[in-house]
N, C-alpha and C. Protein backbone atom coordinates (compact mmCIF):
# COMPACT_ATOMS: atom_id res chain seq x y z
N UNK A 1 160.80 87.94 19.87
CA UNK A 1 159.65 87.88 20.79
C UNK A 1 158.61 88.91 20.34
N UNK A 2 157.39 88.46 20.03
CA UNK A 2 156.35 89.32 19.50
C UNK A 2 155.32 89.63 20.57
N UNK A 3 155.14 90.89 20.89
CA UNK A 3 154.15 91.27 21.89
C UNK A 3 152.75 91.11 21.32
N UNK A 4 151.79 90.77 22.17
CA UNK A 4 150.41 90.58 21.71
C UNK A 4 149.42 91.23 22.66
N UNK A 5 149.82 92.27 23.32
CA UNK A 5 148.90 92.98 24.19
C UNK A 5 149.12 92.69 25.65
N UNK A 6 148.14 93.08 26.45
CA UNK A 6 148.27 92.99 27.90
C UNK A 6 147.07 92.30 28.52
N UNK A 7 147.29 91.81 29.72
CA UNK A 7 146.25 91.12 30.45
C UNK A 7 145.29 92.13 31.07
N UNK A 8 144.05 92.14 30.56
CA UNK A 8 143.05 93.08 31.08
C UNK A 8 142.59 92.70 32.48
N UNK A 9 142.45 91.40 32.70
CA UNK A 9 141.98 90.93 34.00
C UNK A 9 142.54 89.54 34.28
N UNK A 10 142.87 89.31 35.53
CA UNK A 10 143.32 88.01 36.04
C UNK A 10 142.26 87.57 37.04
N UNK A 11 141.71 86.36 36.84
CA UNK A 11 140.54 85.95 37.61
C UNK A 11 140.71 84.55 38.20
N UNK A 12 140.20 84.35 39.40
CA UNK A 12 140.19 83.04 40.05
C UNK A 12 138.85 82.86 40.75
N UNK A 13 138.55 81.61 41.10
CA UNK A 13 137.30 81.34 41.78
C UNK A 13 137.37 80.09 42.63
N UNK A 14 136.40 79.94 43.53
CA UNK A 14 136.31 78.76 44.38
C UNK A 14 135.03 77.99 44.04
N UNK A 15 135.03 76.70 44.33
CA UNK A 15 133.89 75.85 44.03
C UNK A 15 132.75 76.12 45.01
N UNK A 16 131.55 76.36 44.47
CA UNK A 16 130.36 76.63 45.27
C UNK A 16 129.19 75.88 44.65
N UNK A 17 128.08 75.71 45.39
CA UNK A 17 126.90 75.07 44.80
C UNK A 17 126.47 75.81 43.53
N UNK A 18 126.10 75.02 42.52
CA UNK A 18 125.82 75.62 41.21
C UNK A 18 124.95 74.68 40.40
N UNK A 19 123.91 75.24 39.76
CA UNK A 19 123.07 74.43 38.88
C UNK A 19 122.18 73.48 39.65
N UNK A 20 122.03 72.24 39.15
CA UNK A 20 121.14 71.27 39.80
C UNK A 20 121.58 70.96 41.22
N UNK A 21 120.65 70.50 42.07
CA UNK A 21 121.00 70.14 43.45
C UNK A 21 122.16 69.15 43.50
N UNK A 22 123.10 69.42 44.39
CA UNK A 22 124.24 68.53 44.57
C UNK A 22 125.42 68.82 43.68
N UNK A 23 125.26 69.75 42.76
CA UNK A 23 126.35 70.10 41.85
C UNK A 23 127.10 71.33 42.37
N UNK A 24 128.39 71.38 42.09
CA UNK A 24 129.20 72.54 42.42
C UNK A 24 130.01 72.96 41.21
N UNK A 25 130.49 74.19 41.23
CA UNK A 25 131.33 74.68 40.14
C UNK A 25 132.12 75.88 40.63
N UNK A 26 133.27 76.11 39.98
CA UNK A 26 134.07 77.31 40.22
C UNK A 26 134.07 78.19 38.97
N UNK A 27 132.99 78.09 38.16
CA UNK A 27 132.93 78.85 36.92
C UNK A 27 132.84 80.35 37.18
N UNK A 28 132.33 80.73 38.35
CA UNK A 28 132.26 82.15 38.69
C UNK A 28 133.62 82.61 39.18
N UNK A 29 134.31 83.36 38.34
CA UNK A 29 135.65 83.84 38.67
C UNK A 29 135.58 85.34 39.00
N UNK A 30 136.44 85.77 39.91
CA UNK A 30 136.51 87.18 40.32
C UNK A 30 137.89 87.74 40.01
N UNK A 31 137.95 88.98 39.55
CA UNK A 31 139.26 89.57 39.26
C UNK A 31 140.05 89.86 40.53
N UNK A 32 141.36 89.76 40.41
CA UNK A 32 142.25 90.11 41.52
C UNK A 32 143.02 91.37 41.14
N UNK A 33 143.47 92.09 42.15
CA UNK A 33 144.15 93.37 41.91
C UNK A 33 145.67 93.23 41.80
N UNK A 34 146.21 92.17 42.39
CA UNK A 34 147.67 92.03 42.43
C UNK A 34 148.15 90.72 41.85
N UNK A 35 149.44 90.45 41.99
CA UNK A 35 150.04 89.26 41.38
C UNK A 35 149.60 87.97 42.08
N UNK A 36 149.59 86.89 41.30
CA UNK A 36 149.32 85.56 41.81
C UNK A 36 150.41 84.62 41.31
N UNK A 37 150.72 83.63 42.10
CA UNK A 37 151.65 82.61 41.67
C UNK A 37 150.93 81.61 40.77
N UNK A 38 151.54 81.33 39.62
CA UNK A 38 151.01 80.34 38.69
C UNK A 38 151.92 79.12 38.70
N UNK A 39 151.35 77.97 39.04
CA UNK A 39 152.11 76.73 39.06
C UNK A 39 151.59 75.75 38.02
N UNK A 40 152.09 74.54 37.98
CA UNK A 40 151.71 73.56 36.97
C UNK A 40 150.22 73.22 36.95
N UNK A 41 149.54 73.38 38.09
CA UNK A 41 148.12 73.05 38.17
C UNK A 41 147.22 74.28 38.10
N UNK A 42 147.81 75.47 37.94
CA UNK A 42 146.99 76.66 37.82
C UNK A 42 147.38 77.74 38.82
N UNK A 43 146.52 78.74 38.93
CA UNK A 43 146.79 79.89 39.79
C UNK A 43 146.49 79.57 41.25
N UNK A 44 147.31 80.13 42.12
CA UNK A 44 147.07 80.03 43.55
C UNK A 44 145.70 80.63 43.87
N UNK A 45 144.86 79.86 44.56
CA UNK A 45 143.55 80.35 44.94
C UNK A 45 142.45 80.00 43.95
N UNK A 46 142.80 79.37 42.83
CA UNK A 46 141.79 78.98 41.86
C UNK A 46 141.43 77.51 42.06
N UNK A 47 140.14 77.18 41.94
CA UNK A 47 139.68 75.82 42.16
C UNK A 47 138.92 75.29 40.95
N UNK A 48 138.78 73.98 40.89
CA UNK A 48 137.93 73.30 39.93
C UNK A 48 137.10 72.28 40.70
N UNK A 49 135.79 72.28 40.44
CA UNK A 49 134.91 71.43 41.22
C UNK A 49 135.03 69.96 40.83
N UNK A 50 135.13 69.67 39.56
CA UNK A 50 135.16 68.30 39.07
C UNK A 50 136.48 68.07 38.34
N UNK A 51 137.45 67.52 39.04
CA UNK A 51 138.79 67.38 38.48
C UNK A 51 138.86 66.31 37.39
N UNK A 52 137.81 65.54 37.21
CA UNK A 52 137.81 64.57 36.11
C UNK A 52 137.79 65.28 34.76
N UNK A 53 137.13 66.44 34.70
CA UNK A 53 136.95 67.12 33.41
C UNK A 53 137.48 68.55 33.40
N UNK A 54 137.84 69.07 34.55
CA UNK A 54 138.37 70.43 34.63
C UNK A 54 139.71 70.44 35.35
N UNK A 55 140.55 71.40 35.01
CA UNK A 55 141.82 71.54 35.68
C UNK A 55 142.82 70.48 35.23
N UNK A 56 143.92 70.40 35.96
CA UNK A 56 144.99 69.49 35.61
C UNK A 56 146.05 70.19 34.78
N UNK A 57 147.18 69.55 34.56
CA UNK A 57 148.32 70.21 33.90
C UNK A 57 148.03 70.71 32.49
N UNK A 58 147.11 70.06 31.76
CA UNK A 58 146.84 70.50 30.39
C UNK A 58 145.63 71.41 30.29
N UNK A 59 145.03 71.72 31.45
CA UNK A 59 143.97 72.73 31.54
C UNK A 59 144.27 73.64 32.73
N UNK A 60 145.51 74.01 32.87
CA UNK A 60 145.93 74.77 34.04
C UNK A 60 145.38 76.19 34.03
N UNK A 61 145.26 76.77 32.84
CA UNK A 61 144.85 78.17 32.71
C UNK A 61 143.85 78.28 31.55
N UNK A 62 142.73 78.94 31.81
CA UNK A 62 141.74 79.16 30.76
C UNK A 62 141.77 80.62 30.31
N UNK A 63 141.88 80.82 29.00
CA UNK A 63 141.94 82.15 28.39
C UNK A 63 140.71 82.32 27.50
N UNK A 64 139.96 83.40 27.73
CA UNK A 64 138.79 83.68 26.88
C UNK A 64 138.88 85.12 26.39
N UNK A 65 138.74 85.32 25.07
CA UNK A 65 138.87 86.67 24.52
C UNK A 65 137.69 87.57 24.89
N UNK A 66 137.98 88.71 25.46
CA UNK A 66 136.93 89.70 25.72
C UNK A 66 136.36 90.20 24.38
N UNK A 67 137.10 90.00 23.30
CA UNK A 67 136.64 90.40 21.97
C UNK A 67 135.28 89.81 21.63
N UNK A 68 134.98 88.62 22.16
CA UNK A 68 133.73 87.93 21.81
C UNK A 68 132.51 88.48 22.55
N UNK A 69 132.73 89.23 23.60
CA UNK A 69 131.61 89.65 24.43
C UNK A 69 130.58 90.47 23.65
N UNK A 70 131.04 91.33 22.75
CA UNK A 70 130.10 92.18 21.99
C UNK A 70 129.17 91.32 21.15
N UNK A 71 129.70 90.29 20.50
CA UNK A 71 128.86 89.40 19.68
C UNK A 71 127.84 88.68 20.55
N UNK A 72 128.26 88.23 21.73
CA UNK A 72 127.30 87.56 22.61
C UNK A 72 126.21 88.52 23.08
N UNK A 73 126.59 89.75 23.38
CA UNK A 73 125.57 90.72 23.80
C UNK A 73 124.57 90.98 22.68
N UNK A 74 125.05 90.99 21.44
CA UNK A 74 124.16 91.20 20.29
C UNK A 74 123.22 90.02 20.06
N UNK A 75 123.71 88.81 20.36
CA UNK A 75 122.96 87.59 20.02
C UNK A 75 122.02 87.13 21.11
N UNK A 76 122.30 87.47 22.36
CA UNK A 76 121.50 87.00 23.47
C UNK A 76 120.57 88.11 23.95
N UNK A 77 119.29 87.83 23.97
CA UNK A 77 118.30 88.86 24.35
C UNK A 77 117.38 88.30 25.44
N UNK A 78 117.36 88.98 26.61
CA UNK A 78 118.23 90.11 26.97
C UNK A 78 119.65 89.62 27.24
N UNK A 79 120.60 90.52 27.10
CA UNK A 79 122.00 90.15 27.33
C UNK A 79 122.20 89.81 28.80
N UNK A 80 122.75 88.63 29.11
CA UNK A 80 122.98 88.25 30.51
C UNK A 80 123.90 89.24 31.22
N UNK A 81 123.62 89.47 32.49
CA UNK A 81 124.42 90.40 33.29
C UNK A 81 125.87 89.95 33.39
N UNK A 82 126.12 88.65 33.26
CA UNK A 82 127.49 88.13 33.36
C UNK A 82 128.41 88.76 32.32
N UNK A 83 127.84 89.22 31.21
CA UNK A 83 128.65 89.78 30.13
C UNK A 83 129.08 91.22 30.39
N UNK A 84 128.71 91.76 31.53
CA UNK A 84 129.07 93.14 31.85
C UNK A 84 130.50 93.28 32.36
N UNK A 85 131.15 92.16 32.65
CA UNK A 85 132.51 92.22 33.19
C UNK A 85 133.25 90.95 32.79
N UNK A 86 134.58 90.98 32.80
CA UNK A 86 135.35 89.75 32.50
C UNK A 86 134.99 88.64 33.46
N UNK A 87 135.15 87.40 33.00
CA UNK A 87 134.88 86.24 33.84
C UNK A 87 133.60 85.52 33.51
N UNK A 88 132.86 85.98 32.51
CA UNK A 88 131.57 85.37 32.18
C UNK A 88 131.69 83.90 31.82
N UNK A 89 132.81 83.52 31.21
CA UNK A 89 132.98 82.15 30.73
C UNK A 89 133.89 81.32 31.63
N UNK A 90 134.13 81.81 32.83
CA UNK A 90 134.97 81.08 33.76
C UNK A 90 136.45 81.18 33.45
N UNK A 91 136.81 82.23 32.71
CA UNK A 91 138.21 82.37 32.29
C UNK A 91 139.10 82.90 33.42
N UNK A 92 140.36 82.49 33.36
CA UNK A 92 141.39 83.05 34.23
C UNK A 92 142.04 84.28 33.63
N UNK A 93 142.16 84.29 32.30
CA UNK A 93 142.82 85.39 31.58
C UNK A 93 141.83 86.05 30.65
N UNK A 94 141.77 87.37 30.70
CA UNK A 94 140.92 88.15 29.80
C UNK A 94 141.79 89.16 29.05
N UNK A 95 141.68 89.15 27.73
CA UNK A 95 142.44 90.09 26.89
C UNK A 95 141.57 90.58 25.75
N UNK A 96 142.04 91.64 25.09
CA UNK A 96 141.47 92.11 23.83
C UNK A 96 142.54 92.00 22.76
N UNK A 97 142.12 91.63 21.53
CA UNK A 97 143.03 91.61 20.41
C UNK A 97 143.67 90.27 20.12
N UNK A 98 143.20 89.22 20.78
CA UNK A 98 143.76 87.88 20.59
C UNK A 98 142.61 86.88 20.63
N UNK A 99 142.29 86.25 19.48
CA UNK A 99 141.21 85.28 19.41
C UNK A 99 141.72 83.95 18.90
N UNK A 100 140.80 83.02 18.72
CA UNK A 100 141.15 81.69 18.23
C UNK A 100 141.80 81.73 16.84
N UNK A 101 141.54 82.78 16.09
CA UNK A 101 142.17 82.92 14.76
C UNK A 101 143.63 83.34 14.86
N UNK A 102 144.03 83.89 16.00
CA UNK A 102 145.37 84.44 16.18
C UNK A 102 146.29 83.52 16.97
N UNK A 103 145.76 82.44 17.52
CA UNK A 103 146.50 81.56 18.42
C UNK A 103 146.57 80.17 17.81
N UNK A 104 147.72 79.53 17.90
CA UNK A 104 147.93 78.21 17.30
C UNK A 104 148.20 77.15 18.36
N UNK A 105 147.90 75.92 18.01
CA UNK A 105 148.26 74.79 18.87
C UNK A 105 149.76 74.83 19.16
N UNK A 106 150.11 74.71 20.43
CA UNK A 106 151.52 74.66 20.79
C UNK A 106 152.20 75.99 20.95
N UNK A 107 151.50 77.10 20.70
CA UNK A 107 152.11 78.42 20.91
C UNK A 107 152.69 78.52 22.31
N UNK A 108 153.87 79.09 22.41
CA UNK A 108 154.51 79.31 23.71
C UNK A 108 154.49 80.81 23.97
N UNK A 109 153.91 81.20 25.10
CA UNK A 109 153.74 82.60 25.45
C UNK A 109 154.39 82.89 26.81
N UNK A 110 155.00 84.04 26.91
CA UNK A 110 155.42 84.54 28.21
C UNK A 110 154.36 85.49 28.74
N UNK A 111 153.97 85.28 29.99
CA UNK A 111 153.02 86.15 30.66
C UNK A 111 153.58 86.46 32.03
N UNK A 112 153.99 87.70 32.23
CA UNK A 112 154.62 88.05 33.49
C UNK A 112 155.86 87.19 33.69
N UNK A 113 155.95 86.52 34.84
CA UNK A 113 157.10 85.68 35.13
C UNK A 113 156.92 84.23 34.74
N UNK A 114 155.82 83.88 34.07
CA UNK A 114 155.52 82.50 33.71
C UNK A 114 155.61 82.30 32.20
N UNK A 115 155.78 81.05 31.80
CA UNK A 115 155.76 80.67 30.38
C UNK A 115 154.68 79.62 30.20
N UNK A 116 153.78 79.85 29.23
CA UNK A 116 152.63 79.00 29.00
C UNK A 116 152.68 78.42 27.59
N UNK A 117 152.01 77.30 27.39
CA UNK A 117 151.88 76.72 26.06
C UNK A 117 150.43 76.35 25.81
N UNK A 118 149.93 76.71 24.63
CA UNK A 118 148.55 76.39 24.25
C UNK A 118 148.43 74.88 24.07
N UNK A 119 147.57 74.26 24.87
CA UNK A 119 147.44 72.80 24.87
C UNK A 119 146.19 72.31 24.16
N UNK A 120 145.11 73.09 24.19
CA UNK A 120 143.85 72.64 23.61
C UNK A 120 142.85 73.79 23.58
N UNK A 121 141.79 73.60 22.78
CA UNK A 121 140.66 74.50 22.85
C UNK A 121 139.74 74.07 23.99
N UNK A 122 138.63 74.76 24.09
CA UNK A 122 137.67 74.41 25.13
C UNK A 122 136.56 73.54 24.54
N UNK A 123 136.18 72.51 25.28
CA UNK A 123 134.99 71.75 24.97
C UNK A 123 133.90 72.21 25.94
N UNK A 124 133.01 73.08 25.50
CA UNK A 124 132.03 73.67 26.42
C UNK A 124 131.10 72.61 27.01
N UNK A 125 130.67 72.87 28.24
CA UNK A 125 129.78 71.92 28.90
C UNK A 125 128.52 72.63 29.40
N UNK A 126 127.60 71.82 29.89
CA UNK A 126 126.27 72.28 30.28
C UNK A 126 126.27 73.37 31.34
N UNK A 127 127.36 73.52 32.08
CA UNK A 127 127.39 74.55 33.12
C UNK A 127 127.23 75.95 32.54
N UNK A 128 127.63 76.12 31.28
CA UNK A 128 127.42 77.42 30.63
C UNK A 128 125.93 77.71 30.46
N UNK A 129 125.11 76.68 30.28
CA UNK A 129 123.67 76.90 30.15
C UNK A 129 123.11 77.54 31.42
N UNK A 130 123.57 77.06 32.57
CA UNK A 130 123.12 77.62 33.85
C UNK A 130 123.76 78.97 34.12
N UNK A 131 124.99 79.11 33.76
CA UNK A 131 125.70 80.36 33.99
C UNK A 131 124.99 81.53 33.30
N UNK A 132 124.52 81.29 32.08
CA UNK A 132 123.91 82.37 31.29
C UNK A 132 122.38 82.34 31.31
N UNK A 133 121.79 81.29 31.85
CA UNK A 133 120.35 81.18 31.81
C UNK A 133 119.83 81.01 30.40
N UNK A 134 120.64 80.37 29.56
CA UNK A 134 120.29 80.12 28.16
C UNK A 134 120.38 78.62 27.94
N UNK A 135 119.28 77.99 27.58
CA UNK A 135 119.17 76.54 27.54
C UNK A 135 120.25 75.87 26.70
N UNK A 136 120.62 76.51 25.58
CA UNK A 136 121.59 75.89 24.66
C UNK A 136 122.88 76.69 24.55
N UNK A 137 123.27 77.35 25.61
CA UNK A 137 124.46 78.21 25.55
C UNK A 137 125.72 77.41 25.21
N UNK A 138 125.88 76.23 25.81
CA UNK A 138 127.07 75.43 25.52
C UNK A 138 127.14 75.07 24.04
N UNK A 139 126.00 74.73 23.45
CA UNK A 139 125.97 74.42 22.02
C UNK A 139 126.29 75.65 21.18
N UNK A 140 125.82 76.79 21.61
CA UNK A 140 126.13 78.03 20.88
C UNK A 140 127.63 78.31 20.90
N UNK A 141 128.24 78.15 22.06
CA UNK A 141 129.69 78.37 22.17
C UNK A 141 130.43 77.41 21.24
N UNK A 142 130.02 76.16 21.23
CA UNK A 142 130.68 75.17 20.37
C UNK A 142 130.47 75.50 18.90
N UNK A 143 129.25 75.83 18.52
CA UNK A 143 128.92 76.07 17.11
C UNK A 143 129.63 77.30 16.56
N UNK A 144 129.73 78.34 17.36
CA UNK A 144 130.37 79.58 16.90
C UNK A 144 131.89 79.48 16.86
N UNK A 145 132.45 78.53 17.60
CA UNK A 145 133.91 78.46 17.72
C UNK A 145 134.49 79.50 18.65
N UNK A 146 133.62 80.23 19.34
CA UNK A 146 134.09 81.23 20.32
C UNK A 146 134.25 80.52 21.67
N UNK A 147 135.23 79.66 21.75
CA UNK A 147 135.35 78.75 22.89
C UNK A 147 136.40 79.17 23.91
N UNK A 148 137.41 79.94 23.48
CA UNK A 148 138.57 80.14 24.33
C UNK A 148 139.49 78.93 24.26
N UNK A 149 140.53 78.93 25.08
CA UNK A 149 141.52 77.85 25.03
C UNK A 149 142.20 77.68 26.37
N UNK A 150 142.97 76.58 26.47
CA UNK A 150 143.68 76.26 27.70
C UNK A 150 145.18 76.20 27.47
N UNK A 151 145.93 76.52 28.53
CA UNK A 151 147.39 76.43 28.53
C UNK A 151 147.86 75.38 29.52
N UNK A 152 149.02 74.79 29.21
CA UNK A 152 149.83 74.12 30.21
C UNK A 152 150.92 75.10 30.64
N UNK A 153 151.48 74.90 31.81
CA UNK A 153 152.49 75.81 32.36
C UNK A 153 153.87 75.18 32.16
N UNK A 154 154.69 75.81 31.34
CA UNK A 154 156.06 75.33 31.11
C UNK A 154 157.01 75.84 32.17
N UNK A 155 156.82 77.07 32.61
CA UNK A 155 157.64 77.67 33.66
C UNK A 155 156.74 78.40 34.64
N UNK A 156 156.67 77.95 35.90
CA UNK A 156 155.87 78.67 36.89
C UNK A 156 156.41 80.07 37.12
N UNK A 157 155.57 80.93 37.62
CA UNK A 157 156.00 82.29 37.92
C UNK A 157 154.85 83.14 38.40
N UNK A 158 155.14 84.38 38.65
CA UNK A 158 154.14 85.33 39.14
C UNK A 158 153.49 86.06 37.96
N UNK A 159 152.17 86.19 38.01
CA UNK A 159 151.40 86.87 36.96
C UNK A 159 150.52 87.91 37.62
N UNK A 160 150.39 89.08 36.99
CA UNK A 160 149.58 90.16 37.54
C UNK A 160 148.76 90.82 36.44
N UNK A 161 147.62 91.42 36.80
CA UNK A 161 146.86 92.18 35.81
C UNK A 161 147.75 93.25 35.18
N UNK A 162 147.61 93.42 33.87
CA UNK A 162 148.43 94.38 33.15
C UNK A 162 149.71 93.83 32.58
N UNK A 163 150.06 92.58 32.95
CA UNK A 163 151.27 91.98 32.40
C UNK A 163 151.16 91.81 30.89
N UNK A 164 152.31 91.93 30.22
CA UNK A 164 152.34 91.75 28.77
C UNK A 164 152.30 90.27 28.43
N UNK A 165 151.62 89.96 27.33
CA UNK A 165 151.59 88.62 26.78
C UNK A 165 152.43 88.64 25.51
N UNK A 166 153.48 87.82 25.47
CA UNK A 166 154.42 87.87 24.35
C UNK A 166 154.65 86.46 23.80
N UNK A 167 154.59 86.34 22.47
CA UNK A 167 154.79 85.06 21.81
C UNK A 167 156.27 84.74 21.72
N UNK A 168 156.66 83.56 22.23
CA UNK A 168 158.05 83.13 22.21
C UNK A 168 158.33 82.12 21.09
N UNK A 169 157.34 81.26 20.80
CA UNK A 169 157.57 80.22 19.80
C UNK A 169 156.23 79.79 19.21
N UNK A 170 156.25 79.41 17.92
CA UNK A 170 155.04 78.95 17.23
C UNK A 170 155.38 77.72 16.40
N UNK A 171 155.38 76.53 17.02
CA UNK A 171 155.78 75.32 16.30
C UNK A 171 154.74 74.80 15.32
N UNK A 172 153.48 75.23 15.46
CA UNK A 172 152.40 74.72 14.60
C UNK A 172 151.65 75.88 13.94
N UNK A 173 152.38 76.64 13.15
CA UNK A 173 151.78 77.82 12.52
C UNK A 173 150.63 77.46 11.60
N UNK A 174 150.61 76.25 11.07
CA UNK A 174 149.53 75.83 10.17
C UNK A 174 148.27 75.41 10.92
N UNK A 175 148.34 75.43 12.25
CA UNK A 175 147.20 74.98 13.05
C UNK A 175 146.68 76.05 14.01
N UNK A 176 146.11 77.15 13.47
CA UNK A 176 145.40 78.06 14.37
C UNK A 176 144.25 77.33 15.04
N UNK A 177 143.81 77.82 16.17
CA UNK A 177 142.74 77.13 16.88
C UNK A 177 141.46 77.07 16.08
N UNK A 178 141.23 78.02 15.18
CA UNK A 178 140.05 77.95 14.32
C UNK A 178 140.07 76.67 13.49
N UNK A 179 141.23 76.27 13.01
CA UNK A 179 141.34 75.03 12.24
C UNK A 179 141.13 73.81 13.14
N UNK A 180 141.71 73.84 14.33
CA UNK A 180 141.55 72.75 15.27
C UNK A 180 140.08 72.56 15.64
N UNK A 181 139.40 73.66 15.95
CA UNK A 181 138.00 73.59 16.35
C UNK A 181 137.11 73.14 15.20
N UNK A 182 137.46 73.52 13.99
CA UNK A 182 136.70 73.04 12.82
C UNK A 182 136.83 71.52 12.69
N UNK A 183 138.04 71.02 12.89
CA UNK A 183 138.25 69.57 12.81
C UNK A 183 137.48 68.85 13.92
N UNK A 184 137.39 69.48 15.07
CA UNK A 184 136.72 68.84 16.20
C UNK A 184 135.20 68.87 16.08
N UNK A 185 134.64 70.01 15.61
CA UNK A 185 133.20 70.22 15.69
C UNK A 185 132.47 70.30 14.36
N UNK A 186 133.18 70.48 13.24
CA UNK A 186 132.52 70.67 11.95
C UNK A 186 132.87 69.54 10.99
N UNK A 187 134.11 69.48 10.56
CA UNK A 187 134.56 68.40 9.67
C UNK A 187 135.04 67.24 10.53
N UNK A 188 134.11 66.62 11.22
CA UNK A 188 134.43 65.76 12.35
C UNK A 188 135.12 64.45 11.99
N UNK A 189 135.01 64.02 10.73
CA UNK A 189 135.64 62.76 10.32
C UNK A 189 136.63 62.96 9.18
N UNK A 190 137.23 64.14 9.12
CA UNK A 190 138.28 64.43 8.14
C UNK A 190 139.53 63.66 8.56
N UNK A 191 139.82 62.58 7.86
CA UNK A 191 140.90 61.69 8.30
C UNK A 191 142.26 62.38 8.32
N UNK A 192 142.52 63.22 7.33
CA UNK A 192 143.82 63.90 7.30
C UNK A 192 143.99 64.80 8.52
N UNK A 193 142.93 65.52 8.87
CA UNK A 193 143.00 66.40 10.03
C UNK A 193 143.14 65.59 11.31
N UNK A 194 142.39 64.49 11.42
CA UNK A 194 142.47 63.66 12.62
C UNK A 194 143.84 63.01 12.76
N UNK A 195 144.41 62.58 11.66
CA UNK A 195 145.76 61.99 11.72
C UNK A 195 146.78 63.04 12.16
N UNK A 196 146.62 64.28 11.66
CA UNK A 196 147.52 65.35 12.08
C UNK A 196 147.36 65.64 13.57
N UNK A 197 146.13 65.68 14.04
CA UNK A 197 145.88 65.93 15.47
C UNK A 197 146.49 64.84 16.32
N UNK A 198 146.31 63.59 15.92
CA UNK A 198 146.81 62.46 16.71
C UNK A 198 148.34 62.48 16.81
N UNK A 199 149.00 63.09 15.83
CA UNK A 199 150.47 63.11 15.81
C UNK A 199 151.06 64.37 16.43
N UNK A 200 150.23 65.33 16.85
CA UNK A 200 150.72 66.60 17.36
C UNK A 200 151.09 66.47 18.83
N UNK A 201 152.37 66.41 19.13
CA UNK A 201 152.80 66.23 20.52
C UNK A 201 152.45 67.43 21.39
N UNK A 202 152.29 68.59 20.79
CA UNK A 202 151.94 69.79 21.57
C UNK A 202 150.48 69.78 22.01
N UNK A 203 149.64 69.02 21.32
CA UNK A 203 148.23 68.96 21.63
C UNK A 203 148.00 68.12 22.89
N UNK A 204 147.03 68.52 23.70
CA UNK A 204 146.72 67.77 24.92
C UNK A 204 146.49 66.30 24.61
N UNK A 205 146.94 65.43 25.49
CA UNK A 205 146.85 63.98 25.25
C UNK A 205 145.41 63.53 25.07
N UNK A 206 144.47 64.15 25.79
CA UNK A 206 143.06 63.74 25.66
C UNK A 206 142.52 64.05 24.27
N UNK A 207 142.98 65.13 23.67
CA UNK A 207 142.53 65.47 22.32
C UNK A 207 143.18 64.57 21.28
N UNK A 208 144.42 64.17 21.51
CA UNK A 208 145.06 63.22 20.60
C UNK A 208 144.32 61.88 20.66
N UNK A 209 143.96 61.46 21.87
CA UNK A 209 143.22 60.21 22.03
C UNK A 209 141.85 60.30 21.35
N UNK A 210 141.19 61.44 21.48
CA UNK A 210 139.90 61.63 20.82
C UNK A 210 140.05 61.44 19.30
N UNK A 211 141.09 62.05 18.72
CA UNK A 211 141.33 61.90 17.28
C UNK A 211 141.59 60.44 16.93
N UNK A 212 142.38 59.76 17.74
CA UNK A 212 142.68 58.34 17.49
C UNK A 212 141.42 57.50 17.54
N UNK A 213 140.54 57.79 18.48
CA UNK A 213 139.30 57.03 18.61
C UNK A 213 138.38 57.25 17.42
N UNK A 214 138.29 58.48 16.94
CA UNK A 214 137.47 58.72 15.75
C UNK A 214 138.02 57.97 14.54
N UNK A 215 139.34 57.96 14.40
CA UNK A 215 139.96 57.24 13.29
C UNK A 215 139.67 55.75 13.38
N UNK A 216 139.76 55.20 14.58
CA UNK A 216 139.56 53.77 14.75
C UNK A 216 138.11 53.36 14.56
N UNK A 217 137.17 54.19 15.03
CA UNK A 217 135.76 53.82 15.01
C UNK A 217 135.03 54.33 13.79
N UNK A 218 135.59 55.37 13.15
CA UNK A 218 134.88 55.98 12.03
C UNK A 218 133.60 56.65 12.47
N UNK A 219 133.57 57.13 13.70
CA UNK A 219 132.37 57.75 14.27
C UNK A 219 132.78 58.82 15.27
N UNK A 220 131.85 59.72 15.54
CA UNK A 220 132.08 60.83 16.47
C UNK A 220 131.47 60.50 17.82
N UNK A 221 132.16 60.85 18.87
CA UNK A 221 131.67 60.63 20.22
C UNK A 221 130.36 61.39 20.47
N UNK A 222 129.58 60.93 21.43
CA UNK A 222 128.30 61.57 21.76
C UNK A 222 128.56 62.84 22.58
N UNK A 223 128.05 63.97 22.09
CA UNK A 223 128.24 65.24 22.77
C UNK A 223 127.09 65.60 23.72
N UNK A 224 126.01 64.87 23.69
CA UNK A 224 124.78 65.30 24.36
C UNK A 224 124.96 65.45 25.87
N UNK A 225 125.60 64.49 26.51
CA UNK A 225 125.76 64.58 27.97
C UNK A 225 126.60 65.77 28.35
N UNK A 226 127.70 66.02 27.60
CA UNK A 226 128.55 67.16 27.90
C UNK A 226 127.82 68.48 27.72
N UNK A 227 127.04 68.60 26.66
CA UNK A 227 126.40 69.87 26.34
C UNK A 227 125.09 70.08 27.08
N UNK A 228 124.36 69.02 27.36
CA UNK A 228 123.01 69.15 27.92
C UNK A 228 122.84 68.45 29.25
N UNK A 229 123.88 67.78 29.76
CA UNK A 229 123.76 66.87 30.89
C UNK A 229 123.20 67.46 32.15
N UNK A 230 123.41 68.76 32.37
CA UNK A 230 122.93 69.35 33.62
C UNK A 230 121.67 70.16 33.42
N UNK A 231 121.12 70.12 32.21
CA UNK A 231 119.95 70.97 31.93
C UNK A 231 118.71 70.41 32.59
């Protein structure tokens, strides 16, 4: 069992009006001081406004590296106030020392009393544009690969700020998230990579289907609505 640091902040949020009229979001997360129960659908007290695209068993927990905050502060002028504290990207888990280069598809991690498995990276959406007041923020997140990732919950349990994050198993060592995100957003029609993604049982089913669709159609899905739809 390999330790990988500690949880700097544990965050949850509720759905509130956000962005264009009639829209809601729970992207604004607040840190908690004590333990929370983590179940198959996420943390107790955490909400998702649009369950069609957020939440669910393969997006139960969102992890975003605090390591990226410095780069965002350097690149965004003026730096948005959201970057002054964890939770800027709607993450549930905030850590230092663990990025997309250090995490692989299917990694199994123990966090407090729970066991999690990396299911997919993040596909950023237009709500980040409103969150940061930057017209193309979602595209910037996608282009940089500083997306964060999602876990499914293999074993429910209690999680608290300061809990250790420890790697239990790495079935796909050849697939760090940097490679996965490159296949998704850069080398978008690399057939070998898409075939590997489609066959990866540890990868979220929606991402396997996406790979299968690209292989069948020989084309990439339209990203514009996801990235700019609420602008």
